[in-house]
């Protein structure tokens, strides 16, 4: 249930109403927009009579929320959420671009790529230190050493770093060293991990699971938000369908759907979606065209010899060309890059 206050509602009136609602064992989430204040009621609202609240002069209307997610719901938070990371933002009127290799392989590799993607306009550096792989015999990443190399690259370039967490026991290291903590597709419904990440103050990049519905993705965000962390970035990275030509099937319809349902920013991962480097550029442009708030793109200086996912990584020169094209598109969409 949400309570939308009138524009002229006073602070005292809002506080008194919140106190009254909380006496009925409901939690109240307050969202103060530029023009209106919205109260989101969370918990058992059966004891609350909407007509009595709506009868108050300073209340505009009371609306029941049908969806199971509340905090992530746009009804609770009509304005888009904008997440600030250092000097960069994700959401709002700026197109955020996260770029870097699938995995960190060496100090020279990650620093070289970091410098090149920054020169092209990327605002964030991605790189896997811990790699969840389908085969136990595949390269699993440099682990903590890889995390240290990412930190060196950040010092060299100033780019905030984005990397994937694997389990709850890594949270202390990630909270201290990482700017945006990525939750991979395989962990989207690792609810214990999500709840613990909800107790941190770090932005979380939450990737859609291979077979997850849009509602399931938003519900996973709700797990994090219910513990207090509202800095969530949703990521569409392709879902598993009957098609075998591409690695996954990029669900572009999810972007406008999620933005209608939720206030959280949504970015797209074209690299994992297609699994082919030559599809990254057209899919990136398509994602921007349908309203994505950003992209996370795999860039490698030597993809032919990459230890992980070289076939879906573009070279720095192609990334530069892509960024030039995106700058034109972002301007048409009234965004900046």
C-alpha atoms as a PDB file:
ATOM      1  CA  UNK A   1       0.000   0.000   0.000  1.00  0.00           C
ATOM      2  CA  UNK A   2       1.233   3.515  -0.741  1.00  0.00           C
ATOM      3  CA  UNK A   3       0.023   6.866   0.523  1.00  0.00           C
ATOM      4  CA  UNK A   4       0.580   9.842  -1.774  1.00  0.00           C
ATOM      5  CA  UNK A   5       0.624  13.107   0.136  1.00  0.00           C
ATOM      6  CA  UNK A   6      -0.672  16.396  -1.210  1.00  0.00           C
ATOM      7  CA  UNK A   7       1.929  18.909  -2.380  1.00  0.00           C
ATOM      8  CA  UNK A   8       1.026  21.226   0.498  1.00  0.00           C
ATOM      9  CA  UNK A   9       1.245  18.568   3.232  1.00  0.00           C
ATOM     10  CA  UNK A  10       3.387  19.839   6.111  1.00  0.00           C
ATOM     11  CA  UNK A  11       6.244  17.944   7.724  1.00  0.00           C
ATOM     12  CA  UNK A  12       4.290  17.749  10.990  1.00  0.00           C
ATOM     13  CA  UNK A  13       1.281  16.196   9.250  1.00  0.00           C
ATOM     14  CA  UNK A  14       3.463  13.611   7.546  1.00  0.00           C
ATOM     15  CA  UNK A  15       5.239  12.671  10.790  1.00  0.00           C
ATOM     16  CA  UNK A  16       1.934  12.263  12.668  1.00  0.00           C
ATOM     17  CA  UNK A  17       0.555  10.013   9.937  1.00  0.00           C
ATOM     18  CA  UNK A  18       3.715   7.878   9.942  1.00  0.00           C
ATOM     19  CA  UNK A  19       3.511   7.469  13.727  1.00  0.00           C
ATOM     20  CA  UNK A  20      -0.134   6.417  13.460  1.00  0.00           C
ATOM     21  CA  UNK A  21       0.625   3.832  10.752  1.00  0.00           C
ATOM     22  CA  UNK A  22       3.615   2.407  12.604  1.00  0.00           C
ATOM     23  CA  UNK A  23       1.424   1.760  15.660  1.00  0.00           C
ATOM     24  CA  UNK A  24      -0.292  -0.867  13.485  1.00  0.00           C
ATOM     25  CA  UNK A  25       3.023  -2.746  13.153  1.00  0.00           C
ATOM     26  CA  UNK A  26       3.689  -1.534   9.613  1.00  0.00           C
ATOM     27  CA  UNK A  27       7.036  -0.234   8.430  1.00  0.00           C
ATOM     28  CA  UNK A  28       6.884   3.052   6.523  1.00  0.00           C
ATOM     29  CA  UNK A  29       9.342   3.904   3.772  1.00  0.00           C
ATOM     30  CA  UNK A  30       9.408   7.639   3.027  1.00  0.00           C
ATOM     31  CA  UNK A  31      10.293   8.843  -0.472  1.00  0.00           C
ATOM     32  CA  UNK A  32      10.575  12.609  -0.771  1.00  0.00           C
ATOM     33  CA  UNK A  33      10.418  13.679  -4.405  1.00  0.00           C
ATOM     34  CA  UNK A  34      10.843  17.144  -5.840  1.00  0.00           C
ATOM     35  CA  UNK A  35       7.116  17.825  -5.694  1.00  0.00           C
ATOM     36  CA  UNK A  36       5.497  15.080  -3.617  1.00  0.00           C
ATOM     37  CA  UNK A  37       6.090  12.868  -0.627  1.00  0.00           C
ATOM     38  CA  UNK A  38       5.150   9.200  -0.928  1.00  0.00           C
ATOM     39  CA  UNK A  39       4.776   6.816   2.006  1.00  0.00           C
ATOM     40  CA  UNK A  40       5.293   3.134   1.267  1.00  0.00           C
ATOM     41  CA  UNK A  41       3.639   0.790   3.753  1.00  0.00           C
ATOM     42  CA  UNK A  42       5.437  -2.523   4.173  1.00  0.00           C
ATOM     43  CA  UNK A  43       4.159  -5.454   6.191  1.00  0.00           C
ATOM     44  CA  UNK A  44       0.679  -6.617   7.155  1.00  0.00           C
ATOM     45  CA  UNK A  45      -1.577  -3.762   6.042  1.00  0.00           C
ATOM     46  CA  UNK A  46      -4.853  -5.613   6.672  1.00  0.00           C
ATOM     47  CA  UNK A  47      -5.381  -3.697   9.917  1.00  0.00           C
ATOM     48  CA  UNK A  48      -5.188  -0.348   8.139  1.00  0.00           C
ATOM     49  CA  UNK A  49      -8.347   1.208   6.710  1.00  0.00           C
ATOM     50  CA  UNK A  50      -7.363   3.059   3.504  1.00  0.00           C
ATOM     51  CA  UNK A  51     -10.553   5.153   3.552  1.00  0.00           C
ATOM     52  CA  UNK A  52      -9.648   6.676   6.928  1.00  0.00           C
ATOM     53  CA  UNK A  53      -6.223   7.708   5.661  1.00  0.00           C
ATOM     54  CA  UNK A  54      -7.639   9.024   2.399  1.00  0.00           C
ATOM     55  CA  UNK A  55     -10.150  11.124   4.344  1.00  0.00           C
ATOM     56  CA  UNK A  56      -7.348  13.289   5.697  1.00  0.00           C
ATOM     57  CA  UNK A  57      -7.087  16.640   3.926  1.00  0.00           C
ATOM     58  CA  UNK A  58      -3.344  16.404   3.394  1.00  0.00           C
ATOM     59  CA  UNK A  59      -3.536  12.970   1.669  1.00  0.00           C
ATOM     60  CA  UNK A  60      -4.058  12.918  -2.080  1.00  0.00           C
ATOM     61  CA  UNK A  61      -4.783   9.202  -2.502  1.00  0.00           C
ATOM     62  CA  UNK A  62      -4.085   5.693  -1.216  1.00  0.00           C
ATOM     63  CA  UNK A  63      -3.165   2.936  -3.661  1.00  0.00           C
ATOM     64  CA  UNK A  64      -2.793  -0.796  -3.085  1.00  0.00           C
ATOM     65  CA  UNK A  65       0.288  -2.429  -4.600  1.00  0.00           C
ATOM     66  CA  UNK A  66      -0.457  -5.705  -6.356  1.00  0.00           C
ATOM     67  CA  UNK A  67       3.131  -6.756  -7.065  1.00  0.00           C
ATOM     68  CA  UNK A  68       5.031  -8.714  -4.379  1.00  0.00           C
ATOM     69  CA  UNK A  69       7.953  -6.278  -4.476  1.00  0.00           C
ATOM     70  CA  UNK A  70       7.503  -3.004  -2.619  1.00  0.00           C
ATOM     71  CA  UNK A  71      10.737  -1.055  -2.124  1.00  0.00           C
ATOM     72  CA  UNK A  72      11.821  -1.651  -5.728  1.00  0.00           C
ATOM     73  CA  UNK A  73       8.386  -0.704  -7.049  1.00  0.00           C
ATOM     74  CA  UNK A  74       8.009   2.532  -9.040  1.00  0.00           C
ATOM     75  CA  UNK A  75       4.726   3.183  -7.224  1.00  0.00           C
ATOM     76  CA  UNK A  76       6.751   3.510  -4.008  1.00  0.00           C
ATOM     77  CA  UNK A  77       9.382   5.671  -5.683  1.00  0.00           C
ATOM     78  CA  UNK A  78       8.004   7.484  -8.758  1.00  0.00           C
ATOM     79  CA  UNK A  79      11.288   9.212  -9.632  1.00  0.00           C
ATOM     80  CA  UNK A  80      14.234   7.329 -11.166  1.00  0.00           C
ATOM     81  CA  UNK A  81      16.932   6.303  -8.729  1.00  0.00           C
ATOM     82  CA  UNK A  82      20.360   7.736  -9.535  1.00  0.00           C
ATOM     83  CA  UNK A  83      23.327   5.995  -7.922  1.00  0.00           C
ATOM     84  CA  UNK A  84      26.465   8.016  -7.322  1.00  0.00           C
ATOM     85  CA  UNK A  85      29.831   6.237  -7.362  1.00  0.00           C
ATOM     86  CA  UNK A  86      32.710   8.636  -6.814  1.00  0.00           C
ATOM     87  CA  UNK A  87      32.373  11.299  -9.488  1.00  0.00           C
ATOM     88  CA  UNK A  88      30.261   9.023 -11.707  1.00  0.00           C
ATOM     89  CA  UNK A  89      26.542   8.240 -11.697  1.00  0.00           C
ATOM     90  CA  UNK A  90      24.341   5.415 -12.939  1.00  0.00           C
ATOM     91  CA  UNK A  91      20.767   6.320 -13.825  1.00  0.00           C
ATOM     92  CA  UNK A  92      19.151   9.620 -14.661  1.00  0.00           C
ATOM     93  CA  UNK A  93      20.284  11.545 -17.714  1.00  0.00           C
ATOM     94  CA  UNK A  94      23.757  10.050 -18.044  1.00  0.00           C
ATOM     95  CA  UNK A  95      24.626   6.891 -19.947  1.00  0.00           C
ATOM     96  CA  UNK A  96      26.968   4.854 -17.745  1.00  0.00           C
ATOM     97  CA  UNK A  97      29.546   2.657 -19.485  1.00  0.00           C
ATOM     98  CA  UNK A  98      31.429  -0.073 -17.633  1.00  0.00           C
ATOM     99  CA  UNK A  99      34.220  -1.696 -19.636  1.00  0.00           C
ATOM    100  CA  UNK A 100      37.122  -4.069 -19.188  1.00  0.00           C
ATOM    101  CA  UNK A 101      38.188  -7.696 -19.587  1.00  0.00           C
ATOM    102  CA  UNK A 102      36.196 -10.731 -18.541  1.00  0.00           C
ATOM    103  CA  UNK A 103      39.030 -11.683 -16.199  1.00  0.00           C
ATOM    104  CA  UNK A 104      42.079  -9.988 -14.750  1.00  0.00           C
ATOM    105  CA  UNK A 105      45.122 -11.821 -16.136  1.00  0.00           C
ATOM    106  CA  UNK A 106      48.132  -9.677 -15.229  1.00  0.00           C
ATOM    107  CA  UNK A 107      49.065  -6.214 -13.987  1.00  0.00           C
ATOM    108  CA  UNK A 108      50.158  -4.996 -17.424  1.00  0.00           C
ATOM    109  CA  UNK A 109      46.980  -6.348 -19.056  1.00  0.00           C
ATOM    110  CA  UNK A 110      44.487  -4.732 -16.694  1.00  0.00           C
ATOM    111  CA  UNK A 111      46.320  -1.386 -16.561  1.00  0.00           C
ATOM    112  CA  UNK A 112      46.643  -1.179 -20.348  1.00  0.00           C
ATOM    113  CA  UNK A 113      42.952  -1.939 -20.876  1.00  0.00           C
ATOM    114  CA  UNK A 114      41.898   0.405 -18.061  1.00  0.00           C
ATOM    115  CA  UNK A 115      43.804   3.298 -19.632  1.00  0.00           C
ATOM    116  CA  UNK A 116      42.382   2.642 -23.084  1.00  0.00           C
ATOM    117  CA  UNK A 117      38.744   2.341 -22.009  1.00  0.00           C
ATOM    118  CA  UNK A 118      39.074   5.507 -19.954  1.00  0.00           C
ATOM    119  CA  UNK A 119      40.539   7.376 -22.923  1.00  0.00           C
ATOM    120  CA  UNK A 120      37.488   6.280 -24.928  1.00  0.00           C
ATOM    121  CA  UNK A 121      35.071   7.585 -22.310  1.00  0.00           C
ATOM    122  CA  UNK A 122      34.232   4.655 -20.034  1.00  0.00           C
ATOM    123  CA  UNK A 123      33.343   5.701 -16.496  1.00  0.00           C
ATOM    124  CA  UNK A 124      33.977   2.357 -14.764  1.00  0.00           C
ATOM    125  CA  UNK A 125      36.413  -0.564 -15.027  1.00  0.00           C
ATOM    126  CA  UNK A 126      35.142  -4.142 -14.942  1.00  0.00           C
ATOM    127  CA  UNK A 127      37.301  -7.212 -14.455  1.00  0.00           C
ATOM    128  CA  UNK A 128      36.786 -10.628 -12.931  1.00  0.00           C
ATOM    129  CA  UNK A 129      39.065 -11.581 -10.070  1.00  0.00           C
ATOM    130  CA  UNK A 130      36.982 -14.584  -9.000  1.00  0.00           C
ATOM    131  CA  UNK A 131      35.472 -16.400 -11.987  1.00  0.00           C
ATOM    132  CA  UNK A 132      32.477 -18.759 -11.695  1.00  0.00           C
ATOM    133  CA  UNK A 133      32.955 -21.211 -14.573  1.00  0.00           C
ATOM    134  CA  UNK A 134      30.773 -24.043 -15.823  1.00  0.00           C
ATOM    135  CA  UNK A 135      33.773 -26.375 -15.912  1.00  0.00           C
ATOM    136  CA  UNK A 136      35.919 -26.841 -12.781  1.00  0.00           C
ATOM    137  CA  UNK A 137      38.939 -27.160 -15.106  1.00  0.00           C
ATOM    138  CA  UNK A 138      38.514 -23.715 -16.678  1.00  0.00           C
ATOM    139  CA  UNK A 139      40.461 -20.643 -15.543  1.00  0.00           C
ATOM    140  CA  UNK A 140      38.967 -19.577 -12.210  1.00  0.00           C
ATOM    141  CA  UNK A 141      40.586 -16.158 -12.006  1.00  0.00           C
ATOM    142  CA  UNK A 142      43.521 -14.799  -9.996  1.00  0.00           C
ATOM    143  CA  UNK A 143      41.271 -14.433  -6.952  1.00  0.00           C
ATOM    144  CA  UNK A 144      42.655 -12.071  -4.269  1.00  0.00           C
ATOM    145  CA  UNK A 145      45.687 -11.251  -6.384  1.00  0.00           C
ATOM    146  CA  UNK A 146      43.312 -10.224  -9.153  1.00  0.00           C
ATOM    147  CA  UNK A 147      41.523  -7.934  -6.715  1.00  0.00           C
ATOM    148  CA  UNK A 148      44.845  -6.294  -5.845  1.00  0.00           C
ATOM    149  CA  UNK A 149      45.570  -5.746  -9.553  1.00  0.00           C
ATOM    150  CA  UNK A 150      42.179  -4.095 -10.006  1.00  0.00           C
ATOM    151  CA  UNK A 151      43.035  -1.719  -7.160  1.00  0.00           C
ATOM    152  CA  UNK A 152      46.325  -0.850  -8.877  1.00  0.00           C
ATOM    153  CA  UNK A 153      44.444  -0.133 -12.118  1.00  0.00           C
ATOM    154  CA  UNK A 154      42.073   2.114 -10.181  1.00  0.00           C
ATOM    155  CA  UNK A 155      45.006   4.029  -8.731  1.00  0.00           C
ATOM    156  CA  UNK A 156      46.488   4.436 -12.212  1.00  0.00           C
ATOM    157  CA  UNK A 157      43.290   5.630 -13.896  1.00  0.00           C
ATOM    158  CA  UNK A 158      40.861   6.798 -11.226  1.00  0.00           C
ATOM    159  CA  UNK A 159      38.161   4.492 -12.626  1.00  0.00           C
ATOM    160  CA  UNK A 160      35.842   2.895 -10.030  1.00  0.00           C
ATOM    161  CA  UNK A 161      36.119  -0.897 -10.187  1.00  0.00           C
ATOM    162  CA  UNK A 162      33.320  -3.429 -10.699  1.00  0.00           C
ATOM    163  CA  UNK A 163      33.913  -7.111  -9.978  1.00  0.00           C
ATOM    164  CA  UNK A 164      31.903 -10.195  -9.097  1.00  0.00           C
ATOM    165  CA  UNK A 165      31.453 -11.632  -5.625  1.00  0.00           C
ATOM    166  CA  UNK A 166      31.038 -15.373  -5.203  1.00  0.00           C
ATOM    167  CA  UNK A 167      30.033 -15.982  -1.597  1.00  0.00           C
ATOM    168  CA  UNK A 168      29.122 -14.205   1.676  1.00  0.00           C
ATOM    169  CA  UNK A 169      32.559 -14.843   3.196  1.00  0.00           C
ATOM    170  CA  UNK A 170      34.064 -12.420   0.649  1.00  0.00           C
ATOM    171  CA  UNK A 171      31.931  -9.469   1.704  1.00  0.00           C
ATOM    172  CA  UNK A 172      34.457  -7.842   4.060  1.00  0.00           C
ATOM    173  CA  UNK A 173      37.154  -7.742   1.359  1.00  0.00           C
ATOM    174  CA  UNK A 174      34.737  -6.508  -1.294  1.00  0.00           C
ATOM    175  CA  UNK A 175      33.177  -3.859   0.926  1.00  0.00           C
ATOM    176  CA  UNK A 176      36.649  -2.492   1.638  1.00  0.00           C
ATOM    177  CA  UNK A 177      38.192  -2.733  -1.837  1.00  0.00           C
ATOM    178  CA  UNK A 178      35.457  -2.685  -4.529  1.00  0.00           C
ATOM    179  CA  UNK A 179      33.380   0.268  -5.734  1.00  0.00           C
ATOM    180  CA  UNK A 180      30.475  -1.716  -7.220  1.00  0.00           C
ATOM    181  CA  UNK A 181      29.882  -5.323  -6.165  1.00  0.00           C
ATOM    182  CA  UNK A 182      28.567  -7.492  -8.976  1.00  0.00           C
ATOM    183  CA  UNK A 183      26.238 -10.413  -8.302  1.00  0.00           C
ATOM    184  CA  UNK A 184      26.429 -12.810 -11.226  1.00  0.00           C
ATOM    185  CA  UNK A 185      23.556 -14.587 -12.955  1.00  0.00           C
ATOM    186  CA  UNK A 186      24.239 -17.828 -11.080  1.00  0.00           C
ATOM    187  CA  UNK A 187      23.938 -16.044  -7.724  1.00  0.00           C
ATOM    188  CA  UNK A 188      20.863 -13.941  -8.490  1.00  0.00           C
ATOM    189  CA  UNK A 189      18.804 -16.112  -6.133  1.00  0.00           C
ATOM    190  CA  UNK A 190      21.515 -16.782  -3.551  1.00  0.00           C
ATOM    191  CA  UNK A 191      19.283 -15.189  -0.943  1.00  0.00           C
ATOM    192  CA  UNK A 192      21.713 -15.408   1.967  1.00  0.00           C
ATOM    193  CA  UNK A 193      24.310 -13.545  -0.105  1.00  0.00           C
ATOM    194  CA  UNK A 194      21.714 -10.958  -1.170  1.00  0.00           C
ATOM    195  CA  UNK A 195      20.600 -10.341   2.411  1.00  0.00           C
ATOM    196  CA  UNK A 196      24.152  -9.835   3.611  1.00  0.00           C
ATOM    197  CA  UNK A 197      24.874  -7.464   0.715  1.00  0.00           C
ATOM    198  CA  UNK A 198      21.799  -5.580   1.840  1.00  0.00           C
ATOM    199  CA  UNK A 199      23.590  -4.752   5.076  1.00  0.00           C
ATOM    200  CA  UNK A 200      26.469  -3.088   3.227  1.00  0.00           C
ATOM    201  CA  UNK A 201      26.542   0.435   1.868  1.00  0.00           C
ATOM    202  CA  UNK A 202      28.026  -0.517  -1.500  1.00  0.00           C
ATOM    203  CA  UNK A 203      26.229  -0.265  -4.860  1.00  0.00           C
ATOM    204  CA  UNK A 204      25.229  -3.721  -6.099  1.00  0.00           C
ATOM    205  CA  UNK A 205      25.116  -4.674  -9.781  1.00  0.00           C
ATOM    206  CA  UNK A 206      22.556  -7.481  -9.914  1.00  0.00           C
ATOM    207  CA  UNK A 207      22.560  -9.626 -13.056  1.00  0.00           C
ATOM    208  CA  UNK A 208      19.448 -11.422 -14.275  1.00  0.00           C
ATOM    209  CA  UNK A 209      19.588 -15.189 -13.915  1.00  0.00           C
ATOM    210  CA  UNK A 210      19.791 -17.427 -16.971  1.00  0.00           C
ATOM    211  CA  UNK A 211      16.137 -18.471 -16.664  1.00  0.00           C
ATOM    212  CA  UNK A 212      14.797 -15.769 -14.366  1.00  0.00           C
ATOM    213  CA  UNK A 213      11.644 -13.797 -15.057  1.00  0.00           C
ATOM    214  CA  UNK A 214      11.571 -10.020 -14.786  1.00  0.00           C
ATOM    215  CA  UNK A 215       9.602 -10.300 -11.546  1.00  0.00           C
ATOM    216  CA  UNK A 216      12.152 -12.724 -10.087  1.00  0.00           C
ATOM    217  CA  UNK A 217      14.958 -10.283 -10.898  1.00  0.00           C
ATOM    218  CA  UNK A 218      13.157  -7.414  -9.177  1.00  0.00           C
ATOM    219  CA  UNK A 219      12.333  -9.659  -6.207  1.00  0.00           C
ATOM    220  CA  UNK A 220      16.048 -10.411  -5.827  1.00  0.00           C
ATOM    221  CA  UNK A 221      16.666  -6.667  -5.696  1.00  0.00           C
ATOM    222  CA  UNK A 222      13.932  -6.490  -3.052  1.00  0.00           C
ATOM    223  CA  UNK A 223      15.906  -8.944  -0.895  1.00  0.00           C
ATOM    224  CA  UNK A 224      18.841  -6.534  -0.881  1.00  0.00           C
ATOM    225  CA  UNK A 225      16.703  -3.452  -0.354  1.00  0.00           C
ATOM    226  CA  UNK A 226      14.734  -5.031   2.506  1.00  0.00           C
ATOM    227  CA  UNK A 227      17.985  -5.125   4.505  1.00  0.00           C
ATOM    228  CA  UNK A 228      18.624  -1.407   3.990  1.00  0.00           C
ATOM    229  CA  UNK A 229      20.768  -1.100   0.850  1.00  0.00           C
ATOM    230  CA  UNK A 230      18.850   0.708  -1.896  1.00  0.00           C
ATOM    231  CA  UNK A 231      21.813   1.161  -4.269  1.00  0.00           C
ATOM    232  CA  UNK A 232      20.877  -1.514  -6.789  1.00  0.00           C
ATOM    233  CA  UNK A 233      21.690  -1.584 -10.504  1.00  0.00           C
ATOM    234  CA  UNK A 234      19.767  -4.203 -12.474  1.00  0.00           C
ATOM    235  CA  UNK A 235      21.476  -5.876 -15.428  1.00  0.00           C
ATOM    236  CA  UNK A 236      19.899  -7.641 -18.396  1.00  0.00           C
ATOM    237  CA  UNK A 237      22.518 -10.062 -19.710  1.00  0.00           C
ATOM    238  CA  UNK A 238      20.495 -12.422 -21.849  1.00  0.00           C
ATOM    239  CA  UNK A 239      18.383 -15.411 -20.904  1.00  0.00           C
ATOM    240  CA  UNK A 240      18.523 -19.060 -21.913  1.00  0.00           C
ATOM    241  CA  UNK A 241      16.048 -19.986 -24.632  1.00  0.00           C
ATOM    242  CA  UNK A 242      15.755 -22.708 -27.284  1.00  0.00           C
ATOM    243  CA  UNK A 243      18.085 -20.706 -29.572  1.00  0.00           C
ATOM    244  CA  UNK A 244      21.616 -22.107 -29.818  1.00  0.00           C
ATOM    245  CA  UNK A 245      23.221 -19.735 -32.321  1.00  0.00           C
ATOM    246  CA  UNK A 246      23.969 -17.121 -29.669  1.00  0.00           C
ATOM    247  CA  UNK A 247      25.269 -17.791 -26.174  1.00  0.00           C
ATOM    248  CA  UNK A 248      22.036 -16.380 -24.701  1.00  0.00           C
ATOM    249  CA  UNK A 249      19.060 -14.426 -26.021  1.00  0.00           C
ATOM    250  CA  UNK A 250      19.172 -10.721 -25.184  1.00  0.00           C
ATOM    251  CA  UNK A 251      15.758  -9.697 -23.884  1.00  0.00           C
ATOM    252  CA  UNK A 252      15.601  -6.045 -24.923  1.00  0.00           C
ATOM    253  CA  UNK A 253      11.923  -5.894 -23.976  1.00  0.00           C
ATOM    254  CA  UNK A 254      12.991  -6.292 -20.351  1.00  0.00           C
ATOM    255  CA  UNK A 255      14.492  -2.789 -20.276  1.00  0.00           C
ATOM    256  CA  UNK A 256      11.298  -0.754 -20.860  1.00  0.00           C
ATOM    257  CA  UNK A 257       9.326  -3.305 -18.823  1.00  0.00           C
ATOM    258  CA  UNK A 258      11.599  -2.988 -15.787  1.00  0.00           C
ATOM    259  CA  UNK A 259      11.724   0.787 -16.071  1.00  0.00           C
ATOM    260  CA  UNK A 260       7.925   0.835 -16.001  1.00  0.00           C
ATOM    261  CA  UNK A 261       7.774  -1.464 -12.979  1.00  0.00           C
ATOM    262  CA  UNK A 262      10.775  -0.220 -10.980  1.00  0.00           C
ATOM    263  CA  UNK A 263      12.671   2.978 -10.284  1.00  0.00           C
ATOM    264  CA  UNK A 264      16.038   1.193 -10.231  1.00  0.00           C
ATOM    265  CA  UNK A 265      18.543   1.847 -13.053  1.00  0.00           C
ATOM    266  CA  UNK A 266      18.883  -0.877 -15.704  1.00  0.00           C
ATOM    267  CA  UNK A 267      22.010  -1.614 -17.726  1.00  0.00           C
ATOM    268  CA  UNK A 268      22.690  -4.181 -20.456  1.00  0.00           C
ATOM    269  CA  UNK A 269      25.526  -6.681 -20.936  1.00  0.00           C
ATOM    270  CA  UNK A 270      25.700  -7.315 -24.716  1.00  0.00           C
ATOM    271  CA  UNK A 271      28.880  -9.392 -24.428  1.00  0.00           C
ATOM    272  CA  UNK A 272      27.398 -12.234 -22.366  1.00  0.00           C
ATOM    273  CA  UNK A 273      24.092 -11.967 -24.181  1.00  0.00           C
ATOM    274  CA  UNK A 274      25.414 -12.883 -27.613  1.00  0.00           C
ATOM    275  CA  UNK A 275      28.774 -14.453 -26.826  1.00  0.00           C
ATOM    276  CA  UNK A 276      30.131 -13.066 -30.109  1.00  0.00           C
ATOM    277  CA  UNK A 277      32.306  -9.960 -30.390  1.00  0.00           C
ATOM    278  CA  UNK A 278      30.758  -8.776 -33.664  1.00  0.00           C
ATOM    279  CA  UNK A 279      27.308  -8.559 -32.075  1.00  0.00           C
ATOM    280  CA  UNK A 280      28.412  -6.349 -29.183  1.00  0.00           C
ATOM    281  CA  UNK A 281      28.222  -3.063 -31.091  1.00  0.00           C
ATOM    282  CA  UNK A 282      24.724  -3.447 -32.624  1.00  0.00           C
ATOM    283  CA  UNK A 283      23.287  -4.844 -29.391  1.00  0.00           C
ATOM    284  CA  UNK A 284      24.818  -1.973 -27.391  1.00  0.00           C
ATOM    285  CA  UNK A 285      23.153   0.545 -29.682  1.00  0.00           C
ATOM    286  CA  UNK A 286      19.841  -1.317 -29.501  1.00  0.00           C
ATOM    287  CA  UNK A 287      20.022  -1.288 -25.703  1.00  0.00           C
ATOM    288  CA  UNK A 288      20.512   2.478 -25.637  1.00  0.00           C
ATOM    289  CA  UNK A 289      17.671   2.913 -28.140  1.00  0.00           C
ATOM    290  CA  UNK A 290      15.190   1.132 -25.848  1.00  0.00           C
ATOM    291  CA  UNK A 291      16.176   3.173 -22.805  1.00  0.00           C
ATOM    292  CA  UNK A 292      18.997   1.362 -20.981  1.00  0.00           C
ATOM    293  CA  UNK A 293      20.774   3.479 -18.373  1.00  0.00           C
ATOM    294  CA  UNK A 294      24.138   1.997 -19.257  1.00  0.00           C
ATOM    295  CA  UNK A 295      26.219  -0.846 -20.636  1.00  0.00           C
ATOM    296  CA  UNK A 296      28.773  -3.298 -19.302  1.00  0.00           C
ATOM    297  CA  UNK A 297      31.071  -4.299 -22.169  1.00  0.00           C
ATOM    298  CA  UNK A 298      33.941  -6.770 -22.309  1.00  0.00           C
ATOM    299  CA  UNK A 299      37.095  -5.227 -23.790  1.00  0.00           C
ATOM    300  CA  UNK A 300      40.373  -7.105 -24.189  1.00  0.00           C
ATOM    301  CA  UNK A 301      43.659  -6.011 -25.769  1.00  0.00           C
ATOM    302  CA  UNK A 302      44.391  -9.541 -27.038  1.00  0.00           C
ATOM    303  CA  UNK A 303      41.095 -11.466 -27.199  1.00  0.00           C
ATOM    304  CA  UNK A 304      42.569 -14.287 -29.291  1.00  0.00           C
ATOM    305  CA  UNK A 305      44.744 -15.251 -26.313  1.00  0.00           C
ATOM    306  CA  UNK A 306      42.360 -14.295 -23.500  1.00  0.00           C
ATOM    307  CA  UNK A 307      42.060 -16.791 -20.671  1.00  0.00           C
ATOM    308  CA  UNK A 308      38.301 -16.302 -20.529  1.00  0.00           C
ATOM    309  CA  UNK A 309      35.581 -15.378 -23.064  1.00  0.00           C
ATOM    310  CA  UNK A 310      37.863 -13.895 -25.687  1.00  0.00           C
ATOM    311  CA  UNK A 311      35.308 -14.651 -28.398  1.00  0.00           C
ATOM    312  CA  UNK A 312      32.871 -12.112 -26.938  1.00  0.00           C
ATOM    313  CA  UNK A 313      35.388  -9.357 -26.170  1.00  0.00           C
ATOM    314  CA  UNK A 314      35.984  -6.390 -28.457  1.00  0.00           C
ATOM    315  CA  UNK A 315      39.365  -4.747 -28.928  1.00  0.00           C
ATOM    316  CA  UNK A 316      40.047  -1.236 -27.562  1.00  0.00           C
ATOM    317  CA  UNK A 317      39.899   0.352 -31.021  1.00  0.00           C
ATOM    318  CA  UNK A 318      36.421  -1.099 -31.634  1.00  0.00           C
ATOM    319  CA  UNK A 319      35.355   0.070 -28.209  1.00  0.00           C
ATOM    320  CA  UNK A 320      36.513   3.575 -29.073  1.00  0.00           C
ATOM    321  CA  UNK A 321      34.439   3.518 -32.258  1.00  0.00           C
ATOM    322  CA  UNK A 322      31.437   2.225 -30.323  1.00  0.00           C
ATOM    323  CA  UNK A 323      31.751   5.018 -27.763  1.00  0.00           C
ATOM    324  CA  UNK A 324      31.818   7.617 -30.529  1.00  0.00           C
ATOM    325  CA  UNK A 325      28.600   6.206 -31.976  1.00  0.00           C
ATOM    326  CA  UNK A 326      26.988   5.980 -28.529  1.00  0.00           C
ATOM    327  CA  UNK A 327      27.802   9.636 -27.849  1.00  0.00           C
ATOM    328  CA  UNK A 328      25.709  10.574 -30.881  1.00  0.00           C
ATOM    329  CA  UNK A 329      22.864   8.292 -29.802  1.00  0.00           C
ATOM    330  CA  UNK A 330      22.972   9.514 -26.205  1.00  0.00           C
ATOM    331  CA  UNK A 331      22.625  13.083 -27.444  1.00  0.00           C
ATOM    332  CA  UNK A 332      19.520  12.100 -29.416  1.00  0.00           C
ATOM    333  CA  UNK A 333      18.134  10.426 -26.288  1.00  0.00           C
ATOM    334  CA  UNK A 334      18.924  13.626 -24.341  1.00  0.00           C
ATOM    335  CA  UNK A 335      21.556  11.866 -22.301  1.00  0.00           C
ATOM    336  CA  UNK A 336      25.233  12.557 -21.767  1.00  0.00           C
ATOM    337  CA  UNK A 337      28.072  10.052 -21.891  1.00  0.00           C
END
